[in-house]
N, C-alpha and C. Protein backbone atom coordinates (compact mmCIF):
# COMPACT_ATOMS: atom_id res chain seq x y z
N MET A 1 -1.31 -34.58 -49.04
CA MET A 1 -1.47 -33.15 -48.90
C MET A 1 -1.74 -32.79 -47.44
N LYS A 2 -2.67 -33.53 -46.84
CA LYS A 2 -3.05 -33.27 -45.47
C LYS A 2 -1.87 -33.53 -44.53
N THR A 3 -1.09 -34.57 -44.80
CA THR A 3 0.04 -34.93 -43.97
C THR A 3 1.12 -33.86 -44.04
N SER A 4 1.39 -33.33 -45.23
CA SER A 4 2.41 -32.30 -45.35
C SER A 4 1.98 -31.01 -44.64
N PHE A 5 0.68 -30.70 -44.66
CA PHE A 5 0.17 -29.52 -43.94
C PHE A 5 0.35 -29.70 -42.44
N ILE A 6 0.05 -30.89 -41.94
CA ILE A 6 0.19 -31.18 -40.51
C ILE A 6 1.66 -31.10 -40.10
N LYS A 7 2.55 -31.64 -40.93
CA LYS A 7 3.99 -31.58 -40.63
C LYS A 7 4.49 -30.14 -40.62
N SER A 8 4.03 -29.36 -41.59
CA SER A 8 4.44 -27.94 -41.66
C SER A 8 3.94 -27.18 -40.43
N PHE A 9 2.70 -27.42 -40.06
CA PHE A 9 2.11 -26.77 -38.90
C PHE A 9 2.85 -27.18 -37.63
N ALA A 10 3.15 -28.46 -37.49
CA ALA A 10 3.88 -28.96 -36.32
C ALA A 10 5.27 -28.34 -36.27
N PHE A 11 5.92 -28.19 -37.43
CA PHE A 11 7.26 -27.59 -37.48
C PHE A 11 7.21 -26.13 -37.02
N ILE A 12 6.21 -25.40 -37.46
CA ILE A 12 6.06 -23.99 -37.06
C ILE A 12 5.83 -23.88 -35.55
N ILE A 13 4.97 -24.71 -35.02
CA ILE A 13 4.69 -24.70 -33.58
C ILE A 13 5.95 -25.05 -32.81
N LEU A 14 6.66 -26.09 -33.22
CA LEU A 14 7.88 -26.53 -32.54
C LEU A 14 8.94 -25.43 -32.58
N THR A 15 9.10 -24.80 -33.72
CA THR A 15 10.08 -23.71 -33.86
C THR A 15 9.72 -22.54 -32.95
N THR A 16 8.46 -22.20 -32.88
CA THR A 16 8.00 -21.11 -32.02
C THR A 16 8.26 -21.43 -30.56
N VAL A 17 7.95 -22.64 -30.14
CA VAL A 17 8.16 -23.05 -28.75
C VAL A 17 9.65 -23.02 -28.40
N ILE A 18 10.48 -23.54 -29.28
CA ILE A 18 11.93 -23.60 -29.00
C ILE A 18 12.52 -22.19 -28.91
N THR A 19 12.15 -21.32 -29.82
CA THR A 19 12.71 -19.96 -29.80
C THR A 19 12.15 -19.15 -28.64
N SER A 20 10.93 -19.41 -28.23
CA SER A 20 10.37 -18.65 -27.10
C SER A 20 10.92 -19.14 -25.77
N CYS A 21 11.45 -20.34 -25.71
CA CYS A 21 12.01 -20.87 -24.48
C CYS A 21 13.49 -20.51 -24.34
N GLY A 22 13.97 -19.63 -25.18
CA GLY A 22 15.37 -19.24 -25.14
C GLY A 22 15.73 -18.49 -23.88
N GLY A 23 14.80 -18.18 -23.04
CA GLY A 23 15.07 -17.50 -21.78
C GLY A 23 14.66 -16.04 -21.83
N PHE A 24 14.53 -15.48 -20.69
CA PHE A 24 14.17 -14.08 -20.54
C PHE A 24 15.42 -13.23 -20.70
N LYS A 25 15.36 -12.29 -21.58
CA LYS A 25 16.48 -11.40 -21.77
C LYS A 25 16.18 -10.09 -21.03
N LYS A 26 17.05 -9.77 -20.09
CA LYS A 26 16.86 -8.55 -19.30
C LYS A 26 17.04 -7.32 -20.18
N PRO A 27 16.18 -6.35 -20.03
CA PRO A 27 16.28 -5.14 -20.84
C PRO A 27 17.45 -4.25 -20.41
N GLY A 28 17.99 -4.48 -19.25
CA GLY A 28 19.10 -3.68 -18.72
C GLY A 28 19.52 -4.24 -17.38
N LYS A 29 20.35 -3.51 -16.69
CA LYS A 29 20.82 -3.94 -15.38
C LYS A 29 19.70 -3.76 -14.35
N GLU A 30 19.45 -4.80 -13.58
CA GLU A 30 18.41 -4.73 -12.54
C GLU A 30 18.92 -3.89 -11.38
N VAL A 31 18.07 -2.99 -10.91
CA VAL A 31 18.45 -2.08 -9.84
C VAL A 31 17.48 -2.25 -8.68
N THR A 32 18.02 -2.41 -7.50
CA THR A 32 17.19 -2.40 -6.29
C THR A 32 17.70 -1.29 -5.40
N GLY A 33 16.79 -0.54 -4.88
CA GLY A 33 17.17 0.57 -4.02
C GLY A 33 17.21 0.15 -2.57
N PRO A 34 17.64 1.06 -1.74
CA PRO A 34 17.59 0.76 -0.32
C PRO A 34 16.14 0.58 0.11
N PHE A 35 15.93 -0.15 1.16
CA PHE A 35 14.61 -0.36 1.75
C PHE A 35 13.68 -1.16 0.84
N SER A 36 14.24 -2.06 0.04
CA SER A 36 13.40 -2.87 -0.85
C SER A 36 13.11 -4.25 -0.28
N SER A 37 13.68 -4.57 0.88
CA SER A 37 13.44 -5.90 1.47
C SER A 37 12.08 -5.95 2.16
N SER A 38 11.69 -7.13 2.57
CA SER A 38 10.38 -7.31 3.22
C SER A 38 10.29 -6.59 4.57
N ARG A 39 11.42 -6.27 5.17
CA ARG A 39 11.43 -5.53 6.44
C ARG A 39 10.78 -4.15 6.29
N TYR A 40 10.71 -3.65 5.08
CA TYR A 40 10.16 -2.31 4.83
C TYR A 40 8.79 -2.36 4.14
N GLN A 41 8.12 -3.50 4.22
CA GLN A 41 6.79 -3.64 3.64
C GLN A 41 5.75 -3.78 4.75
N THR A 42 4.52 -3.42 4.45
CA THR A 42 3.43 -3.55 5.40
C THR A 42 3.32 -5.01 5.82
N ASN A 43 3.11 -5.22 7.12
CA ASN A 43 2.96 -6.58 7.63
C ASN A 43 1.83 -6.61 8.65
N SER A 44 1.78 -7.63 9.49
CA SER A 44 0.67 -7.78 10.42
C SER A 44 0.70 -6.77 11.57
N ARG A 45 1.81 -6.09 11.79
CA ARG A 45 1.91 -5.13 12.89
C ARG A 45 2.03 -3.68 12.46
N TYR A 46 2.54 -3.46 11.25
CA TYR A 46 2.83 -2.09 10.81
C TYR A 46 2.33 -1.82 9.40
N PHE A 47 1.90 -0.58 9.18
CA PHE A 47 1.70 -0.07 7.84
C PHE A 47 3.03 0.60 7.49
N ARG A 48 3.54 0.34 6.28
CA ARG A 48 4.83 0.93 5.90
C ARG A 48 4.76 1.49 4.49
N GLY A 49 5.61 2.50 4.26
CA GLY A 49 5.72 3.10 2.94
C GLY A 49 7.14 3.56 2.70
N VAL A 50 7.59 3.43 1.46
CA VAL A 50 8.94 3.82 1.07
C VAL A 50 8.84 4.79 -0.10
N GLY A 51 9.67 5.82 -0.09
CA GLY A 51 9.67 6.78 -1.19
C GLY A 51 11.07 7.26 -1.50
N SER A 52 11.22 7.81 -2.70
CA SER A 52 12.51 8.37 -3.08
C SER A 52 12.28 9.67 -3.83
N GLY A 53 13.30 10.52 -3.79
CA GLY A 53 13.22 11.80 -4.48
C GLY A 53 14.60 12.23 -4.94
N THR A 54 14.65 12.90 -6.06
CA THR A 54 15.92 13.36 -6.63
C THR A 54 15.81 14.85 -6.92
N SER A 55 16.88 15.57 -6.58
CA SER A 55 16.91 17.00 -6.84
C SER A 55 18.35 17.51 -6.76
N MET A 56 18.57 18.69 -7.32
CA MET A 56 19.88 19.35 -7.19
C MET A 56 20.07 19.85 -5.77
N ASP A 57 18.96 20.06 -5.06
CA ASP A 57 18.99 20.56 -3.68
C ASP A 57 18.74 19.40 -2.71
N LEU A 58 19.57 19.27 -1.70
CA LEU A 58 19.45 18.18 -0.73
C LEU A 58 18.09 18.19 -0.02
N ASN A 59 17.67 19.35 0.46
CA ASN A 59 16.39 19.43 1.19
C ASN A 59 15.20 19.11 0.29
N THR A 60 15.29 19.51 -0.96
CA THR A 60 14.20 19.20 -1.90
C THR A 60 14.13 17.71 -2.17
N SER A 61 15.27 17.05 -2.30
CA SER A 61 15.25 15.60 -2.52
C SER A 61 14.65 14.89 -1.31
N LYS A 62 14.97 15.38 -0.10
CA LYS A 62 14.39 14.78 1.11
C LYS A 62 12.89 15.02 1.17
N SER A 63 12.45 16.23 0.82
CA SER A 63 11.02 16.53 0.82
C SER A 63 10.25 15.67 -0.17
N LYS A 64 10.82 15.52 -1.36
CA LYS A 64 10.17 14.67 -2.38
C LYS A 64 10.07 13.23 -1.89
N ALA A 65 11.14 12.72 -1.29
CA ALA A 65 11.13 11.35 -0.78
C ALA A 65 10.09 11.19 0.33
N MET A 66 10.00 12.19 1.22
CA MET A 66 9.04 12.12 2.33
C MET A 66 7.61 12.13 1.80
N ILE A 67 7.33 12.98 0.82
CA ILE A 67 5.98 13.05 0.24
C ILE A 67 5.61 11.72 -0.40
N MET A 68 6.53 11.14 -1.16
CA MET A 68 6.27 9.86 -1.83
C MET A 68 6.05 8.75 -0.80
N ALA A 69 6.88 8.72 0.24
CA ALA A 69 6.73 7.69 1.27
C ALA A 69 5.39 7.84 2.00
N LYS A 70 4.99 9.07 2.30
CA LYS A 70 3.71 9.30 2.98
C LYS A 70 2.54 8.89 2.08
N GLN A 71 2.64 9.17 0.79
CA GLN A 71 1.58 8.76 -0.14
C GLN A 71 1.45 7.25 -0.18
N ARG A 72 2.57 6.57 -0.22
CA ARG A 72 2.52 5.10 -0.26
C ARG A 72 2.03 4.53 1.06
N LEU A 73 2.40 5.14 2.15
CA LEU A 73 1.93 4.72 3.46
C LEU A 73 0.41 4.90 3.55
N ALA A 74 -0.06 6.07 3.16
CA ALA A 74 -1.51 6.34 3.18
C ALA A 74 -2.25 5.39 2.26
N SER A 75 -1.69 5.08 1.11
CA SER A 75 -2.31 4.15 0.18
C SER A 75 -2.42 2.76 0.80
N SER A 76 -1.39 2.33 1.49
CA SER A 76 -1.41 1.03 2.16
C SER A 76 -2.49 0.98 3.23
N VAL A 77 -2.58 2.05 4.02
CA VAL A 77 -3.61 2.14 5.06
C VAL A 77 -5.00 2.11 4.42
N ASN A 78 -5.21 2.94 3.40
CA ASN A 78 -6.53 3.02 2.77
C ASN A 78 -6.95 1.71 2.12
N THR A 79 -6.03 1.03 1.47
CA THR A 79 -6.35 -0.24 0.83
C THR A 79 -6.76 -1.29 1.86
N THR A 80 -5.99 -1.38 2.94
CA THR A 80 -6.31 -2.35 3.99
C THR A 80 -7.66 -2.04 4.62
N MET A 81 -7.88 -0.79 4.95
CA MET A 81 -9.13 -0.40 5.61
C MET A 81 -10.33 -0.62 4.69
N ARG A 82 -10.16 -0.32 3.43
CA ARG A 82 -11.25 -0.50 2.47
C ARG A 82 -11.63 -1.99 2.35
N THR A 83 -10.63 -2.84 2.30
CA THR A 83 -10.86 -4.28 2.19
C THR A 83 -11.62 -4.80 3.40
N VAL A 84 -11.21 -4.37 4.58
CA VAL A 84 -11.86 -4.81 5.81
C VAL A 84 -13.29 -4.27 5.88
N ALA A 85 -13.47 -3.02 5.52
CA ALA A 85 -14.81 -2.42 5.56
C ALA A 85 -15.74 -3.12 4.56
N ASP A 86 -15.24 -3.43 3.38
CA ASP A 86 -16.06 -4.15 2.38
C ASP A 86 -16.50 -5.50 2.93
N ARG A 87 -15.56 -6.21 3.55
CA ARG A 87 -15.88 -7.52 4.13
C ARG A 87 -16.93 -7.38 5.23
N TYR A 88 -16.79 -6.35 6.05
CA TYR A 88 -17.73 -6.12 7.14
C TYR A 88 -19.13 -5.82 6.60
N VAL A 89 -19.20 -4.99 5.57
CA VAL A 89 -20.50 -4.65 4.99
C VAL A 89 -21.18 -5.88 4.42
N LYS A 90 -20.42 -6.74 3.76
CA LYS A 90 -21.00 -7.96 3.18
C LYS A 90 -21.54 -8.90 4.26
N GLU A 91 -20.87 -8.93 5.41
CA GLU A 91 -21.32 -9.79 6.50
C GLU A 91 -22.56 -9.23 7.19
N ASN A 92 -22.72 -7.92 7.15
CA ASN A 92 -23.82 -7.26 7.85
C ASN A 92 -24.80 -6.67 6.84
N SER A 93 -25.69 -7.49 6.35
CA SER A 93 -26.61 -7.07 5.30
C SER A 93 -27.61 -6.02 5.78
N MET A 94 -27.72 -5.81 7.09
CA MET A 94 -28.68 -4.83 7.59
C MET A 94 -28.21 -3.40 7.37
N LEU A 95 -26.93 -3.22 7.06
CA LEU A 95 -26.38 -1.89 6.86
C LEU A 95 -26.70 -1.38 5.46
N ASN A 96 -26.84 -0.07 5.34
CA ASN A 96 -26.91 0.55 4.03
C ASN A 96 -25.47 0.65 3.56
N ALA A 97 -25.07 -0.25 2.68
CA ALA A 97 -23.66 -0.43 2.31
C ALA A 97 -23.02 0.85 1.78
N SER A 98 -23.66 1.53 0.85
CA SER A 98 -23.02 2.71 0.25
C SER A 98 -22.87 3.83 1.27
N GLU A 99 -23.87 4.01 2.11
CA GLU A 99 -23.79 5.06 3.13
C GLU A 99 -22.71 4.73 4.17
N PHE A 100 -22.67 3.48 4.59
CA PHE A 100 -21.68 3.07 5.58
C PHE A 100 -20.27 3.24 5.02
N MET A 101 -20.06 2.80 3.78
CA MET A 101 -18.73 2.90 3.17
C MET A 101 -18.33 4.36 2.99
N SER A 102 -19.27 5.20 2.64
CA SER A 102 -18.98 6.62 2.48
C SER A 102 -18.51 7.22 3.81
N LYS A 103 -19.21 6.89 4.88
CA LYS A 103 -18.83 7.41 6.19
C LYS A 103 -17.51 6.81 6.66
N TYR A 104 -17.33 5.54 6.36
CA TYR A 104 -16.08 4.88 6.75
C TYR A 104 -14.90 5.51 6.02
N GLU A 105 -15.06 5.77 4.74
CA GLU A 105 -13.97 6.40 3.97
C GLU A 105 -13.68 7.80 4.49
N GLU A 106 -14.73 8.52 4.86
CA GLU A 106 -14.53 9.86 5.43
C GLU A 106 -13.73 9.78 6.72
N LEU A 107 -14.09 8.86 7.60
CA LEU A 107 -13.36 8.67 8.85
C LEU A 107 -11.92 8.24 8.56
N ASN A 108 -11.77 7.31 7.66
CA ASN A 108 -10.44 6.81 7.31
C ASN A 108 -9.54 7.92 6.77
N ARG A 109 -10.07 8.77 5.89
CA ARG A 109 -9.29 9.89 5.35
C ARG A 109 -8.86 10.84 6.47
N GLU A 110 -9.80 11.17 7.34
CA GLU A 110 -9.52 12.09 8.43
C GLU A 110 -8.44 11.53 9.36
N VAL A 111 -8.57 10.27 9.71
CA VAL A 111 -7.61 9.64 10.61
C VAL A 111 -6.25 9.49 9.94
N THR A 112 -6.25 9.10 8.68
CA THR A 112 -4.98 8.96 7.96
C THR A 112 -4.24 10.29 7.92
N ASN A 113 -4.95 11.36 7.67
CA ASN A 113 -4.32 12.68 7.64
C ASN A 113 -3.74 13.06 8.99
N THR A 114 -4.44 12.76 10.07
CA THR A 114 -3.92 13.11 11.39
C THR A 114 -2.84 12.14 11.83
N MET A 115 -2.95 10.87 11.45
CA MET A 115 -1.96 9.88 11.89
C MET A 115 -0.63 10.04 11.17
N LEU A 116 -0.63 10.66 10.01
CA LEU A 116 0.64 10.81 9.31
C LEU A 116 1.61 11.66 10.13
N ALA A 117 1.11 12.39 11.09
CA ALA A 117 2.00 13.14 11.97
C ALA A 117 2.61 12.20 13.02
N ASP A 118 2.06 11.00 13.18
CA ASP A 118 2.50 10.05 14.21
C ASP A 118 3.36 8.93 13.60
N ILE A 119 3.94 9.18 12.46
CA ILE A 119 4.73 8.15 11.81
C ILE A 119 6.16 8.15 12.33
N ARG A 120 6.82 7.02 12.12
CA ARG A 120 8.24 6.90 12.47
C ARG A 120 9.04 6.71 11.20
N VAL A 121 10.17 7.40 11.14
CA VAL A 121 11.10 7.18 10.03
C VAL A 121 11.96 5.98 10.44
N ILE A 122 11.90 4.91 9.65
CA ILE A 122 12.68 3.71 10.00
C ILE A 122 13.91 3.55 9.12
N GLY A 123 14.08 4.47 8.19
CA GLY A 123 15.28 4.45 7.36
C GLY A 123 15.34 5.66 6.47
N GLU A 124 16.55 6.20 6.34
CA GLU A 124 16.76 7.33 5.43
C GLU A 124 18.19 7.24 4.90
N ARG A 125 18.32 7.28 3.58
CA ARG A 125 19.63 7.25 2.94
C ARG A 125 19.65 8.27 1.82
N THR A 126 20.75 9.01 1.75
CA THR A 126 20.92 10.02 0.70
C THR A 126 22.21 9.74 -0.05
N PHE A 127 22.14 9.87 -1.36
CA PHE A 127 23.30 9.65 -2.22
C PHE A 127 23.53 10.89 -3.06
N LYS A 128 24.80 11.22 -3.29
CA LYS A 128 25.12 12.28 -4.24
C LYS A 128 25.47 11.59 -5.55
N LEU A 129 24.72 11.91 -6.58
CA LEU A 129 24.88 11.27 -7.88
C LEU A 129 25.99 11.95 -8.68
N PRO A 130 26.51 11.27 -9.70
CA PRO A 130 27.58 11.84 -10.52
C PRO A 130 27.21 13.18 -11.17
N ASN A 131 25.93 13.42 -11.41
CA ASN A 131 25.49 14.67 -12.04
C ASN A 131 25.22 15.77 -11.00
N ASN A 132 25.75 15.58 -9.78
CA ASN A 132 25.64 16.53 -8.67
C ASN A 132 24.21 16.68 -8.13
N GLN A 133 23.36 15.74 -8.43
CA GLN A 133 22.03 15.72 -7.83
C GLN A 133 22.07 14.85 -6.59
N TYR A 134 21.10 15.05 -5.71
CA TYR A 134 20.95 14.22 -4.52
C TYR A 134 19.76 13.30 -4.72
N GLU A 135 19.92 12.06 -4.28
CA GLU A 135 18.83 11.08 -4.31
C GLU A 135 18.63 10.58 -2.89
N THR A 136 17.41 10.79 -2.38
CA THR A 136 17.09 10.41 -1.01
C THR A 136 16.03 9.32 -1.02
N HIS A 137 16.23 8.33 -0.15
CA HIS A 137 15.27 7.24 0.04
C HIS A 137 14.84 7.27 1.50
N ILE A 138 13.53 7.20 1.73
CA ILE A 138 12.98 7.23 3.09
C ILE A 138 11.98 6.10 3.27
N ALA A 139 12.03 5.45 4.44
CA ALA A 139 11.07 4.40 4.81
C ALA A 139 10.34 4.85 6.07
N LEU A 140 9.02 4.74 6.05
CA LEU A 140 8.17 5.18 7.17
C LEU A 140 7.30 4.02 7.65
N GLU A 141 6.84 4.13 8.90
CA GLU A 141 5.88 3.14 9.40
C GLU A 141 4.94 3.76 10.43
N ILE A 142 3.76 3.17 10.52
CA ILE A 142 2.77 3.48 11.55
C ILE A 142 2.35 2.15 12.15
N ARG A 143 2.34 2.07 13.45
CA ARG A 143 1.91 0.85 14.12
C ARG A 143 0.40 0.69 13.92
N LYS A 144 -0.04 -0.49 13.48
CA LYS A 144 -1.46 -0.72 13.20
C LYS A 144 -2.33 -0.52 14.44
N ARG A 145 -1.87 -1.01 15.59
CA ARG A 145 -2.67 -0.87 16.81
C ARG A 145 -2.93 0.60 17.11
N SER A 146 -1.93 1.44 16.98
CA SER A 146 -2.10 2.88 17.21
C SER A 146 -3.09 3.48 16.22
N MET A 147 -2.97 3.07 14.98
CA MET A 147 -3.87 3.58 13.93
C MET A 147 -5.31 3.20 14.24
N TYR A 148 -5.53 1.94 14.59
CA TYR A 148 -6.90 1.48 14.87
C TYR A 148 -7.47 2.13 16.12
N ASN A 149 -6.66 2.28 17.16
CA ASN A 149 -7.14 2.95 18.38
C ASN A 149 -7.51 4.40 18.10
N HIS A 150 -6.71 5.06 17.29
CA HIS A 150 -7.03 6.44 16.92
C HIS A 150 -8.32 6.49 16.10
N LEU A 151 -8.47 5.53 15.21
CA LEU A 151 -9.69 5.43 14.41
C LEU A 151 -10.92 5.25 15.31
N LYS A 152 -10.78 4.43 16.33
CA LYS A 152 -11.88 4.18 17.26
C LYS A 152 -12.24 5.45 18.04
N ARG A 153 -11.22 6.17 18.51
CA ARG A 153 -11.48 7.43 19.25
C ARG A 153 -12.18 8.43 18.35
N GLN A 154 -11.74 8.54 17.11
CA GLN A 154 -12.36 9.47 16.18
C GLN A 154 -13.80 9.08 15.87
N ALA A 155 -14.06 7.79 15.74
CA ALA A 155 -15.42 7.32 15.44
C ALA A 155 -16.38 7.71 16.56
N LYS A 156 -15.91 7.69 17.79
CA LYS A 156 -16.77 8.04 18.93
C LYS A 156 -17.18 9.50 18.94
N ILE A 157 -16.38 10.36 18.33
CA ILE A 157 -16.69 11.79 18.40
C ILE A 157 -17.27 12.36 17.10
N MET A 158 -17.52 11.51 16.12
CA MET A 158 -18.10 11.99 14.85
C MET A 158 -19.54 12.43 15.11
N LYS A 159 -19.79 13.71 15.01
CA LYS A 159 -21.09 14.29 15.34
C LYS A 159 -22.19 13.95 14.33
N GLN A 160 -21.82 13.76 13.08
CA GLN A 160 -22.83 13.53 12.04
C GLN A 160 -23.31 12.08 11.98
N TRP A 161 -22.85 11.22 12.86
CA TRP A 161 -23.26 9.82 12.85
C TRP A 161 -24.33 9.55 13.90
N ASN A 162 -25.23 8.63 13.59
CA ASN A 162 -26.19 8.21 14.60
C ASN A 162 -25.58 7.06 15.41
N GLU A 163 -26.27 6.63 16.44
CA GLU A 163 -25.72 5.60 17.35
C GLU A 163 -25.50 4.26 16.65
N ALA A 164 -26.38 3.88 15.73
CA ALA A 164 -26.23 2.61 15.02
C ALA A 164 -24.97 2.62 14.15
N GLU A 165 -24.74 3.73 13.47
CA GLU A 165 -23.53 3.85 12.64
C GLU A 165 -22.27 3.82 13.51
N ARG A 166 -22.33 4.52 14.61
CA ARG A 166 -21.19 4.57 15.53
C ARG A 166 -20.91 3.17 16.10
N ALA A 167 -21.96 2.47 16.48
CA ALA A 167 -21.80 1.11 17.02
C ALA A 167 -21.23 0.15 15.97
N ALA A 168 -21.72 0.26 14.74
CA ALA A 168 -21.20 -0.59 13.66
C ALA A 168 -19.73 -0.30 13.41
N MET A 169 -19.36 0.97 13.42
CA MET A 169 -17.97 1.34 13.20
C MET A 169 -17.08 0.84 14.33
N GLU A 170 -17.54 0.97 15.57
CA GLU A 170 -16.76 0.48 16.71
C GLU A 170 -16.60 -1.04 16.66
N GLU A 171 -17.65 -1.74 16.24
CA GLU A 171 -17.56 -3.20 16.11
C GLU A 171 -16.52 -3.57 15.04
N LEU A 172 -16.54 -2.86 13.93
CA LEU A 172 -15.57 -3.11 12.86
C LEU A 172 -14.15 -2.88 13.37
N ILE A 173 -13.92 -1.80 14.07
CA ILE A 173 -12.58 -1.48 14.57
C ILE A 173 -12.15 -2.48 15.64
N ASP A 174 -13.09 -2.91 16.48
CA ASP A 174 -12.76 -3.95 17.48
C ASP A 174 -12.31 -5.23 16.79
N ARG A 175 -12.94 -5.57 15.66
CA ARG A 175 -12.51 -6.75 14.90
C ARG A 175 -11.08 -6.58 14.39
N LEU A 176 -10.80 -5.38 13.88
CA LEU A 176 -9.44 -5.10 13.40
C LEU A 176 -8.42 -5.26 14.52
N LEU A 177 -8.75 -4.73 15.68
CA LEU A 177 -7.84 -4.83 16.83
C LEU A 177 -7.66 -6.28 17.26
N ALA A 178 -8.74 -7.06 17.23
CA ALA A 178 -8.65 -8.47 17.65
C ALA A 178 -7.80 -9.29 16.70
N GLU A 179 -7.74 -8.90 15.43
CA GLU A 179 -6.97 -9.63 14.43
C GLU A 179 -5.47 -9.39 14.54
N LEU A 180 -5.08 -8.35 15.25
CA LEU A 180 -3.64 -8.03 15.37
C LEU A 180 -2.92 -9.10 16.18
N LYS A 181 -1.67 -9.33 15.84
CA LYS A 181 -0.89 -10.39 16.47
C LYS A 181 0.02 -9.90 17.59
N ASP A 182 0.00 -8.61 17.90
CA ASP A 182 0.92 -8.13 18.94
C ASP A 182 0.24 -7.79 20.23
């Protein structure tokens, strides 16, 4: 009895493994858009963002693509800055972590908003679709060194910060600048 149960169980397991190893079945045709290569991703020198937009109006499709690309660019900047600031706070136990992070995020938001005017368009492609809509793809970048230098200038003029906070922020930004490879 026990042997037949083990054989049945082994047969079920074997059948499940064999049928699950049948390979991955694609749900449809794989599509890659323009600007999907690593050349258009954030790297050690640039923050980058790519966006796309579709509309019956050409200018609206371009506007939608630009907004999406800027959002992704800002997200990339914010994620990187947050990671570095978290690491800095952990290394410097003398800081009030929540207060420092709050001020850092405020500075980061302010700088990101002003730096988005300093971006470069590194690619733009527009397609007219069969349904007479336009689809636009845009790739943007901001040089990290420029972003960090702007961040440092802004930190120096923040009126609501005391000297210790300002010094800590400048030290953090100097570390970011030293880590750059260009």
